[in-house]
Amino acid sequence: MKYLTTPIYYPNDRPHIGTAYTTLVADAVARYFRLKGEETFSLTGVDEYGLKIQKAAEENGMEPQDWVDHIVGRFHEAWELLDMGFDGFIRTTEERHRATVRSLLQKMYDNGDVYLSRYEGPYCVRCEAYYIEDELVDGNCPVHMRPVDVHAEENWFFALSRYVDPLLAHIEANPGFITPVERRNEVVGFLEHGVDDISMSRSSLTWGIPLPWDESQVAYVWFDALINYVSAAGYADDPERFATQWPASAHLVGKDIIRFHAVYWPAMLMSAGLPLPERIAAHGWLLVGGTKMSKSNATQILPEELVETFGADGYRYHFLRDVSFGPDGNFSWEGMVDRYNADLANDFGNLASRVLNLCEKFRDGRVPAVSPADGPEEQPLRSAAVEAVAAMAEFEDFRSKQALEGIWLLFRASNAYLEMTAPWKVAKDPDQAERLDQILNACLEALRIGAILVSPVMPGAARRLWDKLGLPGEPDAPAFADRCVFGTFPETTVHKGDALFPRIEA
């Protein structure tokens, strides 16, 4: 089974386009695996404990549980708006998660990896993370560039330092464990520099999960949150499913939380005697005007602000085509308009409109199945289809940009084929009726294959095109490689209907 996860998000604010990016990549890759025919479980959710949530609840005059119950719907609304298709959504206030946290932390305690000590140091409430002085930037959090607090209290500590050598050995033995390579090098450098044991509880906080051996303290929010990945896999409530679903195939995360996922989490699993995830894949930040998005600098953009103009499919295509998974990416309205018009309105949408219009004009929408054309004019089209299918493998490494570049070879080859064969001219010669049918059939076959291949990225557009083509079933049915062999488009009735992607005037 493929088990893919996103981070779980703090529900104290609406999801912005940076938050949505991780979720979108995970959704597209999960759809790809289902399209291959592989059993897949994709997970997202919300992280509801911690000081940040408690403060937000107090500021709104509500109890923490009432506050998170009130705002968690924002995430469901955002993911529905973007046509996300997750199999699981976990909340850390669920009993299955609370039970898992207490059980797993107890195993770490029983293993002798937990002890009582005193902590004092800089703490960023927004990150819910401790830092050392060397990591601060002019006294500020290196992620949010805002002043940190100084926390001092007696806590329970996790003996992280015991797991430095086992972690380094695991990373060396499994080069793909952390990707891309620059994030792997970052983690190795952090481990080799020397790692201190870390505080895993809070005595001054009540909004959290009490430790099973010391009810006066609650689990530090990151120790609680990371455990969600095994909670959702059935650790506490479905051991049979857990045995088949864990370890996770990949945790998809942003680079700012790579340390928690690639150092703390694997060490916790080692301590509890559980297998490590197969892969931790970290992407860069999504920048606006060269700056990381935040409310404080007025660069936070919400998905609904873009979907209103570009639609869910246009939104999904832009971020999966123009943002590479790994390095930082830049967003601009102008760039999104240009990409939408060039690729979706022109290459893809206009191709579908032209072909379907020709079918309606010359064959009343009914193109009979004919012996497939296989002459020199068709060879580039057939070759492009083979390359497009092969490019789908790029999703295995979260390289949606490269996958879409390969798929677009098919649409561009189809447009070139139309211009070269000029069916509007062929239609003028009654003796060329069969040749016209062959040309139209080949174009429809390219559209059929294209609808299947774009379905992980643009599920709505794929379904709309499938309906226009009059085809039975769904474009995202399994075993796409078998279904994408270029053959003869079946005898059916097609209709042009509205444009798939109306052009946007900037």
Protein backbone atom coordinates (compact mmCIF):
# COMPACT_ATOMS: atom_id res chain seq x y z
CA MET A 1 0.00 0.00 0.00
CA LYS A 2 1.08 3.57 -0.73
CA TYR A 3 0.62 5.75 2.35
CA LEU A 4 1.19 9.47 1.72
CA THR A 5 0.88 12.23 4.30
CA THR A 6 0.91 16.00 4.50
CA PRO A 7 1.84 17.85 7.69
CA ILE A 8 -1.12 18.50 9.93
CA TYR A 9 -1.88 22.21 10.01
CA TYR A 10 -2.63 24.64 12.80
CA PRO A 11 -6.32 25.55 12.39
CA ASN A 12 -5.95 29.03 13.90
CA ASP A 13 -5.94 30.68 10.48
CA ARG A 14 -7.26 30.02 7.00
CA PRO A 15 -5.08 27.87 4.72
CA HIS A 16 -3.11 30.05 2.29
CA ILE A 17 -1.56 29.04 -1.03
CA GLY A 18 1.66 27.93 0.68
CA THR A 19 -0.24 25.58 2.97
CA ALA A 20 -2.27 24.36 0.01
CA TYR A 21 0.85 23.59 -2.05
CA THR A 22 1.99 20.65 0.10
CA THR A 23 -1.55 19.34 0.19
CA LEU A 24 -1.95 19.70 -3.56
CA VAL A 25 1.24 17.79 -4.38
CA ALA A 26 0.22 14.99 -2.02
CA ASP A 27 -3.23 14.81 -3.61
CA ALA A 28 -1.89 14.71 -7.18
CA VAL A 29 0.68 12.02 -6.35
CA ALA A 30 -1.94 9.93 -4.53
CA ARG A 31 -4.24 10.23 -7.56
CA TYR A 32 -1.35 9.11 -9.77
CA PHE A 33 -0.80 5.97 -7.68
CA ARG A 34 -4.51 5.17 -7.80
CA LEU A 35 -4.40 5.72 -11.56
CA LYS A 36 -1.61 3.12 -11.70
CA GLY A 37 -3.88 0.71 -9.88
CA GLU A 38 -2.03 0.75 -6.55
CA GLU A 39 -3.91 0.70 -3.26
CA THR A 40 -3.34 4.16 -1.80
CA PHE A 41 -4.17 6.01 1.41
CA SER A 42 -3.60 9.76 1.60
CA LEU A 43 -3.82 11.69 4.85
CA THR A 44 -4.07 15.29 5.93
CA GLY A 45 -5.46 16.93 9.06
CA VAL A 46 -5.10 19.57 11.73
CA ASP A 47 -2.87 20.00 14.78
CA GLU A 48 -5.16 21.29 17.53
CA TYR A 49 -3.04 21.37 20.69
CA GLY A 50 -0.33 23.72 21.89
CA LEU A 51 0.23 27.21 23.21
CA LYS A 52 -0.62 28.93 19.93
CA ILE A 53 -4.10 27.40 19.85
CA GLN A 54 -4.68 28.10 23.52
CA LYS A 55 -3.78 31.77 23.04
CA ALA A 56 -5.98 32.10 19.95
CA ALA A 57 -8.92 30.60 21.86
CA GLU A 58 -8.40 33.01 24.76
CA GLU A 59 -8.22 35.98 22.38
CA ASN A 60 -11.57 34.92 20.91
CA GLY A 61 -13.19 34.34 24.30
CA MET A 62 -13.65 30.61 23.77
CA GLU A 63 -12.50 27.33 25.26
CA PRO A 64 -9.76 25.67 23.14
CA GLN A 65 -11.95 22.70 22.13
CA ASP A 66 -14.82 24.97 21.13
CA TRP A 67 -12.38 27.16 19.20
CA VAL A 68 -10.90 24.31 17.13
CA ASP A 69 -14.35 22.82 16.54
CA HIS A 70 -15.42 26.23 15.24
CA ILE A 71 -12.53 26.77 12.81
CA VAL A 72 -11.57 23.30 11.56
CA GLY A 73 -14.22 23.59 8.85
CA ARG A 74 -12.04 26.15 7.07
CA PHE A 75 -9.71 23.36 6.02
CA HIS A 76 -12.49 21.09 4.81
CA GLU A 77 -13.87 24.01 2.79
CA ALA A 78 -10.47 24.83 1.25
CA TRP A 79 -9.68 21.24 0.26
CA GLU A 80 -13.16 20.76 -1.21
CA LEU A 81 -12.77 24.00 -3.16
CA LEU A 82 -9.50 22.69 -4.65
CA ASP A 83 -10.97 19.26 -5.50
CA MET A 84 -8.73 17.40 -3.07
CA GLY A 85 -9.51 13.72 -2.63
CA PHE A 86 -7.99 12.58 0.65
CA ASP A 87 -8.75 9.23 2.24
CA GLY A 88 -8.22 10.39 5.81
CA PHE A 89 -8.49 13.62 7.81
CA ILE A 90 -7.19 13.48 11.37
CA ARG A 91 -7.70 15.86 14.26
CA THR A 92 -5.32 15.55 17.19
CA THR A 93 -8.22 15.98 19.63
CA GLU A 94 -9.69 12.64 18.46
CA GLU A 95 -9.64 9.85 21.01
CA ARG A 96 -7.81 7.46 18.63
CA HIS A 97 -4.95 9.98 18.49
CA ARG A 98 -4.90 10.71 22.21
CA ALA A 99 -4.73 6.96 22.91
CA THR A 100 -1.93 6.50 20.39
CA VAL A 101 0.13 9.37 21.82
CA ARG A 102 -0.10 8.03 25.36
CA SER A 103 0.74 4.48 24.25
CA LEU A 104 3.72 5.45 22.09
CA LEU A 105 5.19 7.88 24.65
CA GLN A 106 4.82 5.20 27.32
CA LYS A 107 6.92 2.85 25.17
CA MET A 108 9.62 5.51 24.92
CA TYR A 109 9.49 5.96 28.70
CA ASP A 110 9.64 2.22 29.32
CA ASN A 111 12.65 2.01 27.01
CA GLY A 112 14.57 4.35 29.33
CA ASP A 113 14.69 7.23 26.85
CA VAL A 114 12.77 9.75 28.99
CA TYR A 115 14.00 11.61 32.09
CA LEU A 116 13.09 14.69 34.18
CA SER A 117 15.22 17.85 33.88
CA ARG A 118 15.00 21.64 33.67
CA TYR A 119 14.88 23.58 30.42
CA GLU A 120 15.51 27.26 29.74
CA GLY A 121 15.89 28.74 26.27
CA PRO A 122 14.38 30.67 23.33
CA TYR A 123 10.98 29.50 22.14
CA CYS A 124 8.90 30.60 19.13
CA VAL A 125 5.18 30.28 19.80
CA ARG A 126 4.39 30.44 16.05
CA CYS A 127 6.71 27.50 15.31
CA GLU A 128 5.91 25.81 18.63
CA ALA A 129 9.65 25.11 18.62
CA TYR A 130 12.76 25.67 20.72
CA TYR A 131 15.88 27.18 19.20
CA ILE A 132 19.46 27.60 20.34
CA GLU A 133 21.00 31.07 20.38
CA ASP A 134 23.14 30.35 17.29
CA GLU A 135 20.01 29.69 15.23
CA LEU A 136 18.38 33.04 15.96
CA VAL A 137 18.65 35.91 13.47
CA ASP A 138 19.26 39.15 15.35
CA GLY A 139 17.44 37.60 18.28
CA ASN A 140 14.45 36.63 16.12
CA CYS A 141 12.97 33.30 15.04
CA PRO A 142 14.75 32.26 11.80
CA VAL A 143 11.43 31.28 10.18
CA HIS A 144 9.06 34.07 11.21
CA MET A 145 11.67 36.79 11.89
CA ARG A 146 9.80 37.76 15.06
CA PRO A 147 11.04 37.97 18.66
CA VAL A 148 11.14 34.71 20.60
CA ASP A 149 10.08 34.07 24.20
CA VAL A 150 12.34 32.60 26.86
CA HIS A 151 10.82 29.55 28.50
CA ALA A 152 12.09 28.01 31.71
CA GLU A 153 10.46 25.06 33.48
CA GLU A 154 11.02 21.51 34.69
CA ASN A 155 10.08 19.11 31.89
CA TRP A 156 10.43 15.54 30.80
CA PHE A 157 13.19 15.14 28.21
CA PHE A 158 13.68 12.69 25.37
CA ALA A 159 17.22 11.31 25.05
CA LEU A 160 17.54 12.29 21.39
CA SER A 161 21.34 12.24 21.57
CA ARG A 162 21.25 8.43 21.91
CA TYR A 163 19.85 8.17 18.39
CA VAL A 164 22.31 10.35 16.48
CA ASP A 165 24.50 7.47 15.33
CA PRO A 166 21.58 5.15 14.45
CA LEU A 167 19.98 7.98 12.46
CA LEU A 168 23.19 8.76 10.57
CA ALA A 169 23.63 5.05 9.81
CA HIS A 170 20.05 4.83 8.52
CA ILE A 171 20.47 7.88 6.29
CA GLU A 172 23.71 6.53 4.87
CA ALA A 173 22.17 3.11 4.20
CA ASN A 174 19.05 4.67 2.64
CA PRO A 175 20.09 7.60 0.42
CA GLY A 176 16.48 8.26 -0.62
CA PHE A 177 15.25 8.53 2.97
CA ILE A 178 15.43 12.34 2.86
CA THR A 179 14.90 14.22 -0.40
CA PRO A 180 15.97 16.38 -2.09
CA VAL A 181 19.70 15.99 -1.49
CA GLU A 182 20.16 19.51 -0.08
CA ARG A 183 17.67 18.73 2.70
CA ARG A 184 19.46 15.42 3.32
CA ASN A 185 22.76 17.27 3.67
CA GLU A 186 21.14 19.78 6.00
CA VAL A 187 19.90 17.03 8.31
CA VAL A 188 23.24 15.19 8.26
CA GLY A 189 25.04 18.43 9.10
CA PHE A 190 22.67 19.08 12.00
CA LEU A 191 23.24 15.58 13.39
CA GLU A 192 27.01 15.70 12.96
CA HIS A 193 27.21 19.09 14.66
CA GLY A 194 25.94 17.52 17.88
CA VAL A 195 22.39 17.12 19.10
CA ASP A 196 21.07 17.87 22.58
CA ASP A 197 18.27 15.99 24.26
CA ILE A 198 14.94 17.78 23.84
CA SER A 199 12.09 18.74 26.10
CA MET A 200 9.03 16.64 25.34
CA SER A 201 6.48 18.03 27.81
CA ARG A 202 5.04 21.22 29.29
CA SER A 203 4.12 21.84 32.92
CA SER A 204 2.75 25.35 32.34
CA LEU A 205 0.23 24.32 29.67
CA THR A 206 -3.07 22.52 30.12
CA TRP A 207 -4.24 22.35 26.49
CA GLY A 208 -2.57 19.11 25.46
CA ILE A 209 -2.44 15.35 26.02
CA PRO A 210 -1.35 14.40 29.57
CA LEU A 211 1.69 12.15 29.86
CA PRO A 212 0.65 8.65 30.95
CA TRP A 213 3.28 8.54 33.75
CA ASP A 214 2.88 12.18 34.87
CA GLU A 215 -0.60 13.65 34.45
CA SER A 216 0.62 17.05 35.67
CA GLN A 217 2.39 17.61 32.34
CA VAL A 218 1.15 17.48 28.73
CA ALA A 219 3.05 16.32 25.67
CA TYR A 220 4.99 19.03 23.82
CA VAL A 221 2.90 19.79 20.74
CA TRP A 222 5.44 18.44 18.24
CA PHE A 223 5.70 15.11 20.09
CA ASP A 224 1.93 14.95 19.97
CA ALA A 225 1.56 16.13 16.34
CA LEU A 226 4.12 13.84 14.72
CA ILE A 227 2.41 10.79 16.15
CA ASN A 228 -0.67 11.53 14.02
CA TYR A 229 0.87 9.55 11.16
CA VAL A 230 0.62 6.29 13.08
CA SER A 231 -2.67 7.26 14.78
CA ALA A 232 -4.38 7.59 11.39
CA ALA A 233 -2.88 4.29 10.23
CA GLY A 234 -4.72 2.42 12.98
CA TYR A 235 -2.04 2.07 15.68
CA ALA A 236 -4.51 2.22 18.59
CA ASP A 237 -7.81 1.19 17.03
CA ASP A 238 -7.03 -1.08 14.06
CA PRO A 239 -3.81 -3.10 14.47
CA GLU A 240 -4.59 -5.24 11.42
CA ARG A 241 -4.75 -2.17 9.18
CA PHE A 242 -1.68 -0.72 10.86
CA ALA A 243 0.31 -3.83 9.95
CA THR A 244 -0.43 -3.27 6.25
CA GLN A 245 -0.34 0.55 6.15
CA TRP A 246 2.74 1.40 8.21
CA PRO A 247 5.47 2.43 7.48
CA ALA A 248 4.40 5.44 5.46
CA SER A 249 5.60 5.62 1.86
CA ALA A 250 6.33 9.34 2.18
CA HIS A 251 5.83 12.30 4.50
CA LEU A 252 5.55 15.47 2.39
CA VAL A 253 6.65 18.55 4.38
CA GLY A 254 7.95 22.09 4.00
CA LYS A 255 11.64 22.71 4.53
CA ASP A 256 10.99 24.67 7.73
CA ILE A 257 9.82 21.53 9.55
CA ILE A 258 12.36 19.08 8.12
CA ARG A 259 14.19 18.73 11.45
CA PHE A 260 11.05 17.59 13.26
CA HIS A 261 10.28 15.00 10.59
CA ALA A 262 13.78 13.80 9.69
CA VAL A 263 15.39 13.87 13.17
CA TYR A 264 12.86 13.93 16.02
CA TRP A 265 10.24 11.66 14.45
CA PRO A 266 12.57 8.85 13.30
CA ALA A 267 14.27 8.88 16.70
CA MET A 268 10.88 8.64 18.42
CA LEU A 269 9.97 5.67 16.22
CA MET A 270 13.28 3.97 16.96
CA SER A 271 12.69 4.45 20.68
CA ALA A 272 9.18 3.01 20.42
CA GLY A 273 10.37 0.07 18.31
CA LEU A 274 8.47 1.00 15.14
CA PRO A 275 9.70 1.03 11.52
CA LEU A 276 10.74 4.36 9.99
CA PRO A 277 8.86 5.94 7.07
CA GLU A 278 10.33 5.11 3.69
CA ARG A 279 10.80 8.71 2.66
CA ILE A 280 10.65 12.28 3.91
CA ALA A 281 10.29 14.72 1.01
CA ALA A 282 10.72 18.42 1.74
CA HIS A 283 9.86 21.30 -0.56
CA GLY A 284 10.84 24.95 -0.42
CA TRP A 285 8.77 27.98 0.48
CA LEU A 286 6.28 29.59 -1.84
CA LEU A 287 7.39 33.21 -2.05
CA VAL A 288 5.43 36.31 -3.01
CA GLY A 289 7.63 39.15 -4.17
CA GLY A 290 10.65 37.17 -3.00
CA THR A 291 9.29 36.96 0.58
CA LYS A 292 7.79 34.06 2.54
CA MET A 293 4.06 34.55 2.91
CA SER A 294 2.69 35.88 6.19
CA LYS A 295 -0.17 37.99 7.49
CA SER A 296 2.25 40.48 9.02
CA ASN A 297 3.76 41.53 5.69
CA ALA A 298 0.42 41.34 3.82
CA THR A 299 1.63 38.67 1.38
CA GLN A 300 -0.75 35.91 2.48
CA ILE A 301 -2.95 34.83 -0.45
CA LEU A 302 -5.93 32.52 0.03
CA PRO A 303 -6.84 29.83 -2.54
CA GLU A 304 -10.37 31.17 -2.96
CA GLU A 305 -8.96 34.48 -4.19
CA LEU A 306 -7.42 32.64 -7.16
CA VAL A 307 -10.04 29.96 -7.76
CA GLU A 308 -12.58 32.70 -8.39
CA THR A 309 -10.66 33.63 -11.57
CA PHE A 310 -8.82 30.47 -12.60
CA GLY A 311 -11.11 27.72 -11.34
CA ALA A 312 -9.92 24.76 -9.28
CA ASP A 313 -8.27 23.08 -12.29
CA GLY A 314 -6.45 26.24 -13.37
CA TYR A 315 -5.26 26.71 -9.80
CA ARG A 316 -4.06 23.12 -9.50
CA TYR A 317 -2.31 23.20 -12.88
CA HIS A 318 -0.41 26.40 -12.16
CA PHE A 319 1.10 25.32 -8.86
CA LEU A 320 1.91 21.80 -10.04
CA ARG A 321 3.40 23.06 -13.32
CA ASP A 322 5.25 26.22 -12.27
CA VAL A 323 6.52 25.32 -8.80
CA SER A 324 9.24 22.65 -8.63
CA PHE A 325 9.15 20.39 -5.59
CA GLY A 326 12.34 21.13 -3.67
CA PRO A 327 13.57 24.71 -4.16
CA ASP A 328 11.71 27.87 -3.22
CA GLY A 329 9.12 29.00 -5.76
CA ASN A 330 7.78 32.44 -6.62
CA PHE A 331 4.14 33.30 -7.21
CA SER A 332 2.87 36.16 -9.35
CA TRP A 333 -0.59 36.90 -10.72
CA GLU A 334 0.87 37.77 -14.12
CA GLY A 335 2.73 34.47 -14.31
CA MET A 336 -0.41 32.55 -13.44
CA VAL A 337 -2.42 34.32 -16.14
CA ASP A 338 0.30 33.72 -18.74
CA ARG A 339 0.57 30.01 -17.90
CA TYR A 340 -3.22 29.56 -17.90
CA ASN A 341 -3.67 31.21 -21.29
CA ALA A 342 -0.68 29.56 -22.97
CA ASP A 343 -1.12 25.98 -21.73
CA LEU A 344 -4.76 25.61 -20.78
CA ALA A 345 -6.71 28.04 -22.95
CA ASN A 346 -4.48 27.60 -26.02
CA ASP A 347 -2.67 24.24 -26.07
CA PHE A 348 -5.23 22.06 -24.28
CA GLY A 349 -8.58 23.86 -24.33
CA ASN A 350 -8.32 25.16 -27.88
CA LEU A 351 -7.24 21.72 -29.14
CA ALA A 352 -10.33 20.11 -27.59
CA SER A 353 -12.61 22.83 -29.00
CA ARG A 354 -11.15 22.58 -32.51
CA VAL A 355 -11.33 18.79 -32.70
CA LEU A 356 -14.84 18.55 -31.28
CA ASN A 357 -16.02 21.41 -33.48
CA LEU A 358 -14.66 19.63 -36.57
CA CYS A 359 -16.45 16.42 -35.53
CA GLU A 360 -19.74 18.27 -35.14
CA LYS A 361 -19.29 20.24 -38.35
CA PHE A 362 -18.33 17.38 -40.65
CA ARG A 363 -19.76 14.29 -38.92
CA ASP A 364 -22.61 15.64 -36.76
CA GLY A 365 -20.59 14.60 -33.71
CA ARG A 366 -20.57 10.93 -34.75
CA VAL A 367 -17.18 9.70 -35.91
CA PRO A 368 -17.19 6.03 -36.85
CA ALA A 369 -14.45 3.76 -35.64
CA VAL A 370 -12.07 3.21 -38.55
CA SER A 371 -8.89 1.28 -39.12
CA PRO A 372 -6.24 3.35 -37.29
CA ALA A 373 -4.04 5.57 -39.43
CA ASP A 374 -0.40 4.63 -39.03
CA GLY A 375 1.35 6.64 -41.72
CA PRO A 376 4.30 9.02 -41.42
CA GLU A 377 1.96 11.88 -40.47
CA GLU A 378 0.69 9.96 -37.44
CA GLN A 379 4.05 8.78 -36.15
CA PRO A 380 4.96 11.98 -34.24
CA LEU A 381 1.54 11.88 -32.57
CA ARG A 382 1.91 8.24 -31.54
CA SER A 383 5.47 8.85 -30.30
CA ALA A 384 4.31 11.83 -28.24
CA ALA A 385 1.64 9.66 -26.62
CA VAL A 386 4.28 7.11 -25.61
CA GLU A 387 6.50 9.87 -24.17
CA ALA A 388 3.57 11.41 -22.31
CA VAL A 389 2.72 8.10 -20.66
CA ALA A 390 6.38 7.57 -19.70
CA ALA A 391 6.53 11.07 -18.18
CA MET A 392 3.90 10.08 -15.62
CA ALA A 393 6.64 8.24 -13.71
CA GLU A 394 7.95 11.65 -12.62
CA PHE A 395 5.12 11.73 -10.08
CA GLU A 396 6.96 8.96 -8.20
CA ASP A 397 9.49 11.62 -7.14
CA PHE A 398 6.92 14.41 -6.72
CA ARG A 399 8.15 16.02 -9.95
CA SER A 400 4.77 17.20 -11.18
CA LYS A 401 6.37 19.94 -13.27
CA GLN A 402 8.36 17.41 -15.29
CA ALA A 403 5.36 15.08 -15.59
CA LEU A 404 3.23 17.88 -17.02
CA GLU A 405 5.96 18.94 -19.43
CA GLY A 406 5.89 15.39 -20.79
CA ILE A 407 2.09 15.28 -21.01
CA TRP A 408 2.07 18.57 -22.89
CA LEU A 409 4.19 16.99 -25.63
CA LEU A 410 1.03 15.10 -26.59
CA PHE A 411 -1.13 18.23 -26.80
CA ARG A 412 1.46 20.13 -28.80
CA ALA A 413 1.95 17.17 -31.14
CA SER A 414 -1.84 17.00 -31.57
CA ASN A 415 -2.03 20.66 -32.50
CA ALA A 416 0.84 20.19 -34.95
CA TYR A 417 -0.93 17.13 -36.41
CA LEU A 418 -4.09 19.15 -36.97
CA GLU A 419 -2.21 21.86 -38.81
CA MET A 420 -0.28 19.34 -40.92
CA THR A 421 -3.28 17.19 -41.92
CA ALA A 422 -5.73 20.14 -42.26
CA PRO A 423 -8.97 18.13 -41.95
CA TRP A 424 -11.00 21.23 -42.92
CA LYS A 425 -9.36 20.95 -46.36
CA VAL A 426 -9.66 17.17 -46.56
CA ALA A 427 -13.40 17.53 -45.89
CA LYS A 428 -13.83 19.35 -49.19
CA ASP A 429 -12.97 16.19 -51.15
CA PRO A 430 -15.72 13.50 -50.97
CA ASP A 431 -13.17 10.88 -52.08
CA GLN A 432 -11.18 11.59 -48.88
CA ALA A 433 -14.04 10.72 -46.49
CA GLU A 434 -12.20 7.79 -44.94
CA ARG A 435 -9.04 9.84 -44.52
CA LEU A 436 -11.05 12.55 -42.75
CA ASP A 437 -12.45 9.92 -40.39
CA GLN A 438 -8.92 8.68 -39.69
CA ILE A 439 -7.65 12.18 -38.88
CA LEU A 440 -10.56 12.99 -36.61
CA ASN A 441 -10.29 9.59 -34.95
CA ALA A 442 -6.57 10.09 -34.25
CA CYS A 443 -7.24 13.52 -32.73
CA LEU A 444 -10.01 12.14 -30.53
CA GLU A 445 -7.74 9.30 -29.44
CA ALA A 446 -5.09 11.84 -28.39
CA LEU A 447 -7.72 13.72 -26.38
CA ARG A 448 -8.87 10.48 -24.75
CA ILE A 449 -5.33 9.67 -23.62
CA GLY A 450 -4.76 13.28 -22.57
CA ALA A 451 -7.86 13.26 -20.36
CA ILE A 452 -6.54 10.19 -18.53
CA LEU A 453 -3.06 11.62 -18.05
CA VAL A 454 -4.15 15.00 -16.69
CA SER A 455 -6.68 13.51 -14.26
CA PRO A 456 -4.31 13.53 -11.22
CA VAL A 457 -3.65 17.23 -11.77
CA MET A 458 -6.98 18.48 -13.13
CA PRO A 459 -9.64 15.93 -12.14
CA GLY A 460 -12.52 18.28 -12.95
CA ALA A 461 -11.28 19.16 -16.43
CA ALA A 462 -10.51 15.50 -17.14
CA ARG A 463 -14.08 14.51 -16.25
CA ARG A 464 -15.57 17.35 -18.34
CA LEU A 465 -13.50 16.36 -21.38
CA TRP A 466 -14.37 12.69 -20.87
CA ASP A 467 -18.06 13.61 -20.96
CA LYS A 468 -17.57 15.70 -24.12
CA LEU A 469 -15.95 12.67 -25.74
CA GLY A 470 -18.99 10.56 -24.88
CA LEU A 471 -16.88 7.89 -23.20
CA PRO A 472 -18.17 5.44 -20.57
CA GLY A 473 -16.68 5.15 -17.10
CA GLU A 474 -14.21 7.65 -15.65
CA PRO A 475 -10.87 9.01 -16.90
CA ASP A 476 -9.18 8.17 -13.58
CA ALA A 477 -9.99 4.44 -13.66
CA PRO A 478 -6.95 2.28 -12.74
CA ALA A 479 -4.23 0.81 -14.95
CA PHE A 480 -3.65 3.95 -17.00
CA ALA A 481 -0.67 2.52 -18.89
CA ASP A 482 -2.86 -0.18 -20.46
CA ARG A 483 -5.62 2.32 -21.20
CA CYS A 484 -3.25 4.83 -22.79
CA VAL A 485 -2.03 2.69 -25.67
CA PHE A 486 -2.73 4.72 -28.82
CA GLY A 487 -5.33 2.81 -30.81
CA THR A 488 -8.72 3.52 -32.37
CA PHE A 489 -11.15 5.90 -30.73
CA PRO A 490 -14.43 4.01 -30.16
CA GLU A 491 -17.54 4.76 -32.17
CA THR A 492 -19.52 7.23 -30.10
CA THR A 493 -21.12 10.68 -30.15
CA VAL A 494 -19.10 13.69 -29.07
CA HIS A 495 -20.18 17.24 -28.36
CA LYS A 496 -18.23 20.48 -28.14
CA GLY A 497 -20.14 22.26 -25.39
CA ASP A 498 -18.54 25.13 -23.48
CA ALA A 499 -14.80 25.79 -23.60
CA LEU A 500 -12.76 23.79 -21.13
CA PHE A 501 -10.66 26.83 -20.28
CA PRO A 502 -12.00 30.22 -21.41
CA ARG A 503 -9.19 32.66 -22.03
CA ILE A 504 -8.48 35.14 -19.24
CA GLU A 505 -7.93 38.74 -20.24
CA ALA A 506 -5.30 40.22 -17.94
